Every structure is written in C-alpha cells, then in structure tokens.
Protein backbone atom coordinates (compact mmCIF):
# COMPACT_ATOMS: atom_id res chain seq x y z
CA MET A 1 -133.55 -128.11 -6.49
CA GLN A 2 -136.99 -129.73 -6.54
CA ARG A 3 -139.77 -127.12 -6.49
CA LEU A 4 -143.22 -128.05 -5.17
CA PHE A 5 -146.60 -126.37 -4.91
CA SER A 6 -148.60 -125.37 -1.85
CA LYS A 7 -151.81 -123.35 -1.68
CA SER A 8 -151.36 -119.95 -0.06
CA ASP A 9 -153.85 -120.80 2.69
CA SER A 10 -151.32 -123.38 3.95
CA ILE A 11 -148.69 -120.66 4.30
CA THR A 12 -148.67 -118.59 7.47
CA ALA A 13 -146.13 -116.21 8.92
CA GLY A 14 -142.86 -118.04 8.80
CA GLN A 15 -144.27 -121.52 8.17
CA ILE A 16 -145.69 -123.82 5.49
CA THR A 17 -147.84 -126.78 6.49
CA ILE A 18 -148.22 -129.63 3.98
CA GLY A 19 -151.28 -131.72 4.88
CA ASP A 20 -152.18 -133.50 1.65
CA LYS A 21 -151.35 -137.20 2.11
CA LYS A 22 -150.39 -137.76 -1.52
CA GLN A 23 -147.99 -134.83 -1.41
CA ILE A 24 -146.59 -135.99 1.92
CA HIS A 25 -145.94 -139.41 0.39
CA HIS A 26 -144.32 -137.81 -2.66
CA ILE A 27 -142.00 -135.63 -0.56
CA LYS A 28 -141.03 -138.35 1.93
CA ASN A 29 -141.01 -141.55 -0.11
CA VAL A 30 -140.47 -140.49 -3.73
CA LEU A 31 -138.23 -137.43 -3.41
CA ARG A 32 -136.86 -138.74 -0.07
CA PHE A 33 -136.65 -135.36 1.63
CA LYS A 34 -135.76 -135.54 5.30
CA THR A 35 -135.87 -133.26 8.32
CA GLY A 36 -133.20 -130.57 8.07
CA GLN A 37 -133.16 -130.39 4.27
CA ILE A 38 -133.94 -127.27 2.24
CA ILE A 39 -136.96 -127.32 -0.08
CA GLU A 40 -138.54 -124.77 -2.45
CA ILE A 41 -142.30 -124.16 -2.50
CA PHE A 42 -144.36 -121.93 -4.81
CA ASP A 43 -147.97 -120.83 -4.41
CA GLU A 44 -150.73 -119.95 -6.89
CA GLN A 45 -149.61 -116.29 -6.98
CA GLY A 46 -146.11 -117.32 -8.06
CA ASN A 47 -144.42 -116.48 -4.75
CA LEU A 48 -141.36 -118.69 -4.24
CA TYR A 49 -140.42 -119.82 -0.74
CA ARG A 50 -137.19 -121.44 0.35
CA GLY A 51 -137.55 -123.31 3.61
CA LEU A 52 -136.15 -125.87 6.03
CA ILE A 53 -138.09 -129.07 6.71
CA GLU A 54 -138.56 -128.96 10.48
CA ARG A 55 -140.89 -131.89 11.13
CA THR A 56 -142.41 -134.77 9.21
CA SER A 57 -145.14 -137.23 10.17
CA ALA A 58 -147.79 -139.34 8.48
CA ASP A 59 -150.22 -136.40 8.68
CA GLN A 60 -148.18 -133.31 7.90
CA ILE A 61 -144.87 -131.78 6.99
CA ILE A 62 -143.82 -128.51 8.63
CA ILE A 63 -141.47 -126.23 6.70
CA ARG A 64 -139.87 -123.20 8.32
CA ILE A 65 -139.63 -120.36 5.76
CA LYS A 66 -136.14 -118.97 5.31
CA SER A 67 -136.78 -116.60 2.41
CA ARG A 68 -139.55 -115.45 0.10
CA GLN A 69 -139.18 -114.23 -3.46
CA LYS A 70 -142.05 -112.33 -5.04
CA PRO A 71 -143.20 -113.31 -8.55
CA ALA A 72 -140.60 -112.57 -11.20
CA PHE A 73 -141.79 -114.58 -14.17
CA GLU A 74 -139.82 -115.36 -17.25
CA ASP A 75 -140.97 -113.26 -20.21
CA SER A 76 -143.06 -111.19 -17.79
CA ASP A 77 -143.32 -108.40 -20.36
CA ILE A 78 -145.45 -110.70 -22.55
CA THR A 79 -148.48 -112.61 -21.28
CA ILE A 80 -150.09 -115.24 -23.50
CA THR A 81 -153.58 -116.71 -23.35
CA VAL A 82 -154.34 -119.70 -25.56
CA ALA A 83 -157.95 -120.55 -26.43
CA CYS A 84 -157.65 -124.01 -27.94
CA ALA A 85 -160.33 -126.08 -29.64
CA ILE A 86 -160.66 -129.40 -27.80
CA PRO A 87 -159.08 -132.19 -29.87
CA LYS A 88 -160.09 -135.85 -29.87
CA LYS A 89 -159.03 -138.40 -27.25
CA SER A 90 -156.70 -137.12 -24.52
CA LYS A 91 -154.67 -134.71 -26.65
CA MET A 92 -155.86 -131.72 -24.59
CA ASP A 93 -153.89 -133.23 -21.69
CA ASP A 94 -150.69 -132.91 -23.72
CA ILE A 95 -151.57 -129.38 -24.80
CA VAL A 96 -152.06 -128.23 -21.21
CA ASP A 97 -148.79 -129.88 -20.19
CA LYS A 98 -146.74 -128.33 -23.00
CA LEU A 99 -148.29 -124.86 -22.70
CA THR A 100 -147.57 -124.86 -18.97
CA GLN A 101 -143.93 -125.65 -19.71
CA LEU A 102 -143.88 -122.75 -22.19
CA GLY A 103 -145.15 -120.36 -19.52
CA VAL A 104 -148.57 -119.33 -20.82
CA GLU A 105 -150.74 -117.44 -18.34
CA ARG A 106 -154.15 -118.83 -19.29
CA VAL A 107 -155.58 -121.79 -21.22
CA ILE A 108 -159.20 -121.75 -22.43
CA PRO A 109 -160.53 -125.09 -23.72
CA MET A 110 -162.77 -124.03 -26.58
CA GLN A 111 -165.84 -125.42 -28.30
CA THR A 112 -166.08 -124.62 -32.02
CA GLN A 113 -168.38 -125.89 -34.73
CA ARG A 114 -166.01 -128.62 -35.92
CA VAL A 115 -164.98 -129.87 -32.47
CA ILE A 116 -166.02 -133.50 -32.25
CA VAL A 117 -165.75 -133.88 -28.47
CA ARG A 118 -169.03 -133.07 -26.69
CA LEU A 119 -169.14 -133.26 -22.89
CA ASP A 120 -171.95 -132.98 -20.39
CA ALA A 121 -171.62 -130.84 -17.23
CA HIS A 122 -170.23 -133.70 -15.14
CA GLN A 123 -167.68 -134.68 -17.77
CA GLU A 124 -166.60 -131.05 -18.16
CA SER A 125 -166.02 -130.79 -14.40
CA LEU A 126 -163.90 -133.95 -14.37
CA ARG A 127 -161.85 -132.81 -17.37
CA LEU A 128 -161.27 -129.38 -15.81
CA GLN A 129 -160.00 -130.95 -12.58
CA ARG A 130 -157.72 -133.21 -14.61
CA TRP A 131 -156.30 -130.35 -16.69
CA LYS A 132 -155.60 -128.28 -13.56
CA LYS A 133 -153.73 -131.21 -12.02
CA ILE A 134 -151.71 -131.70 -15.22
CA ALA A 135 -150.77 -128.00 -15.23
CA LEU A 136 -149.65 -128.19 -11.62
CA ASN A 137 -147.55 -131.31 -12.22
CA ALA A 138 -145.96 -129.75 -15.31
CA ALA A 139 -145.06 -126.59 -13.39
CA GLU A 140 -143.41 -128.64 -10.65
CA GLN A 141 -141.56 -130.83 -13.14
CA CYS A 142 -140.10 -127.94 -15.13
CA GLN A 143 -139.09 -126.01 -12.00
CA GLY A 144 -141.53 -123.20 -12.70
CA SER A 145 -142.95 -120.87 -10.09
CA LYS A 146 -146.33 -120.52 -11.74
CA PHE A 147 -148.90 -122.50 -13.65
CA PRO A 148 -151.63 -121.22 -15.94
CA VAL A 149 -155.23 -120.54 -15.10
CA ILE A 150 -157.26 -123.30 -16.75
CA GLU A 151 -160.69 -121.91 -17.53
CA PRO A 152 -163.91 -123.88 -17.97
CA ILE A 153 -164.81 -124.85 -21.52
CA ARG A 154 -166.05 -121.82 -23.52
CA LYS A 155 -167.83 -121.50 -26.82
CA ILE A 156 -165.82 -119.57 -29.39
CA GLU A 157 -168.43 -116.80 -29.30
CA GLU A 158 -167.80 -116.35 -25.56
CA VAL A 159 -164.05 -116.20 -26.11
CA LEU A 160 -164.43 -113.56 -28.81
CA ALA A 161 -166.76 -111.48 -26.65
CA GLY A 162 -164.19 -111.41 -23.83
CA ALA A 163 -161.12 -110.70 -25.94
CA HIS A 164 -161.30 -106.89 -25.96
CA ASN A 165 -158.77 -106.54 -23.11
CA TYR A 166 -155.93 -108.05 -25.16
CA ASP A 167 -153.70 -105.73 -27.14
CA LEU A 168 -152.96 -108.39 -29.77
CA ARG A 169 -155.48 -110.99 -30.94
CA LEU A 170 -154.28 -113.74 -33.28
CA ILE A 171 -156.09 -116.50 -35.14
CA PRO A 172 -153.92 -118.95 -37.11
CA ALA A 173 -156.11 -120.23 -39.94
CA LEU A 174 -155.87 -122.14 -43.21
CA ILE A 175 -158.32 -120.01 -45.19
CA GLY A 176 -158.53 -116.44 -46.43
CA GLU A 177 -155.89 -113.74 -46.42
CA ARG A 178 -153.33 -114.25 -43.68
CA ASN A 179 -150.33 -112.38 -42.33
CA GLN A 180 -146.89 -113.66 -41.44
CA LEU A 181 -146.78 -114.15 -37.67
CA LYS A 182 -143.28 -112.71 -37.41
CA THR A 183 -144.34 -109.55 -39.25
CA VAL A 184 -147.33 -109.01 -36.95
CA LEU A 185 -145.24 -109.49 -33.81
CA ASN A 186 -142.47 -107.16 -34.96
CA SER A 187 -144.87 -104.40 -35.95
CA SER A 188 -147.21 -104.47 -32.93
CA LYS A 189 -144.87 -104.84 -29.92
CA PRO A 190 -147.60 -106.54 -27.84
CA SER A 191 -147.62 -107.20 -24.10
CA ASN A 192 -150.89 -109.12 -23.72
CA ILE A 193 -151.70 -111.69 -26.42
CA ILE A 194 -154.61 -114.05 -27.00
CA LEU A 195 -154.18 -116.85 -29.50
CA LEU A 196 -156.97 -118.97 -30.98
CA ILE A 197 -156.10 -122.52 -32.03
CA GLY A 198 -158.64 -124.26 -34.27
CA PRO A 199 -159.87 -127.87 -34.33
CA GLU A 200 -159.22 -130.73 -36.71
CA GLY A 201 -160.58 -129.36 -39.98
CA ASP A 202 -159.79 -125.75 -38.99
CA PHE A 203 -162.18 -122.94 -38.15
CA THR A 204 -165.20 -122.39 -40.36
CA LYS A 205 -165.27 -119.33 -42.60
CA LYS A 206 -167.99 -117.86 -40.38
CA GLU A 207 -165.83 -118.29 -37.26
CA VAL A 208 -162.85 -116.61 -38.91
CA ASN A 209 -165.05 -113.70 -39.99
CA LEU A 210 -166.45 -113.34 -36.46
CA ALA A 211 -162.92 -113.31 -35.08
CA VAL A 212 -161.80 -110.66 -37.55
CA ARG A 213 -164.75 -108.48 -36.56
CA ALA A 214 -163.65 -108.93 -32.94
CA GLY A 215 -160.20 -107.56 -33.79
CA PHE A 216 -158.31 -110.80 -34.42
CA ILE A 217 -155.60 -110.88 -37.06
CA PRO A 218 -155.49 -114.02 -39.25
CA VAL A 219 -151.96 -115.42 -39.42
CA THR A 220 -150.24 -118.40 -41.01
CA LEU A 221 -148.05 -120.95 -39.23
CA GLY A 222 -146.45 -122.07 -42.47
CA LYS A 223 -147.28 -124.30 -45.42
CA ARG A 224 -147.83 -127.50 -43.44
CA VAL A 225 -151.21 -128.37 -41.95
CA LEU A 226 -150.46 -128.94 -38.27
CA ARG A 227 -152.34 -131.03 -35.76
CA VAL A 228 -154.08 -129.10 -32.99
CA GLU A 229 -151.51 -130.00 -30.34
CA THR A 230 -148.61 -129.16 -32.67
CA ALA A 231 -150.11 -125.83 -33.74
CA ALA A 232 -150.60 -124.72 -30.13
CA VAL A 233 -147.01 -125.48 -29.14
CA ALA A 234 -145.51 -124.11 -32.37
CA ALA A 235 -147.41 -120.82 -32.20
CA VAL A 236 -146.57 -120.14 -28.55
CA SER A 237 -142.92 -121.09 -29.09
CA PHE A 238 -142.72 -118.73 -32.05
CA ILE A 239 -144.24 -115.89 -30.02
CA ARG A 240 -141.80 -116.48 -27.17
CA LEU A 241 -138.90 -116.43 -29.62
CA TYR A 242 -139.79 -113.47 -31.82
CA ALA A 243 -141.93 -111.08 -29.77
CA HIS A 244 -139.93 -108.00 -28.70
CA ARG A 245 -136.75 -109.12 -30.44
C-alpha cells in the first residue's frame, strides 16, 4: 500500500488534513485515490496511521484515522549517522536518497579540506531544502515510516566536536593503519554509530589524526578506491549486514 507523509501538526484527534496542493494533486491525480479508500500516512516522528479518505476537494483531503502504530523501525537496535563530505555536481542528492532507503537516522553534509564545492549561505539553504525533499520522497517511495534528519552543512571540526555521544565512531580512510570493518563491528557490539565519509582525494592526514584523537577508529572498505557516493552506500550496507550478527 502506498505510504505518504504528513506533518504532525496536520494530524488531530481522529483526523488527518492534507492541505498542500502538490500533495493533493499527487494523491488524487497521480495515485488516483478516491473517497472511501484506505491510505497509510506517516509523520516526522515515525508514527504510522491507517485511515479512510472521507472527503476530497481542490483545497484539502480529509482522512479519518482508523489505527495508529507507534514507531517500530527496522534495525532499531542500531542507529547510524553519516557525516559525508560534499561531492561535486549533484551526487549528494543520490547519497541522501540511498541513505534514506538504507534507514540511516541522520545525514550531515560535511565540509573538509579537499571538498571542492563551496556554497554561500543562500546556496546552502537551497541545497538543504532540496536534500530534505529528496529524503522525504525516498522514504515514501520505499514504503518507510521515517526519513533521516538532514543537518546543515558542518565543518569536519564541528562534526568531531559533537561526536562524543556515539558509542562507535568510524572513519574509512585510505592512509595509515586501518582495521577491518567487520572485526570492529563484531568486537564492539555498537548501538549508536557515526560514520565519516571523505571527499574525492580522501581525508588529509591531519583530518584523520584529529578524528583518531576524537575517538574515531580508522577502517578500510577494501582494496578498491571508491567514489564518495559508493563508499557511503557500501559502508552503511556493510554495517546493516554485519553489526550484531
């Protein structure tokens, strides 16, 4: 069944009111839902509602709530945050899309020394809005009941300074001594992971050293040098597969 998003402030006791014209058009004219049909709605907290479409018009759709399911996320025993260096062109769009499908809890677009993309405040705001929309669309498409928090762009130093609350901190890198990712996951039994993904050209030696001092463990993703978007997806997929096995 198609699963769609609604902000919690549009959900009152027993009723969901859809007022966004684009979403109304999507429900009525693209998905072709009609009065009397059952539809599933999720909110930003991950609550899942199953409801009956009671009324449709050009201005709103009224859904009568039949049941509510509290958040029960897949892999809820492991939460993953990905701080990813911003790649060139629109590749960050694909990263946000794929990481949403893989169920990460938080994505932090990251500025490192070798990141080529430099944005002013206005450009950052536009990109952030775009990434949030991509995450929402990906969550709807893959029938999820949550989508990740997309944070504003952070410098790597800011990310490192805020990483103390994670019980496992990982930095895949191409330089220095590195551990096998599988070995680290099997030995640590983590529940809250932060993963740093470097830019084209990798992290600098100074950045890796700063990360190690902040408690990050350097790991390898194999012999091949992966593109940023591939490394992000590969690392999260590996964690989902091997953590807590």
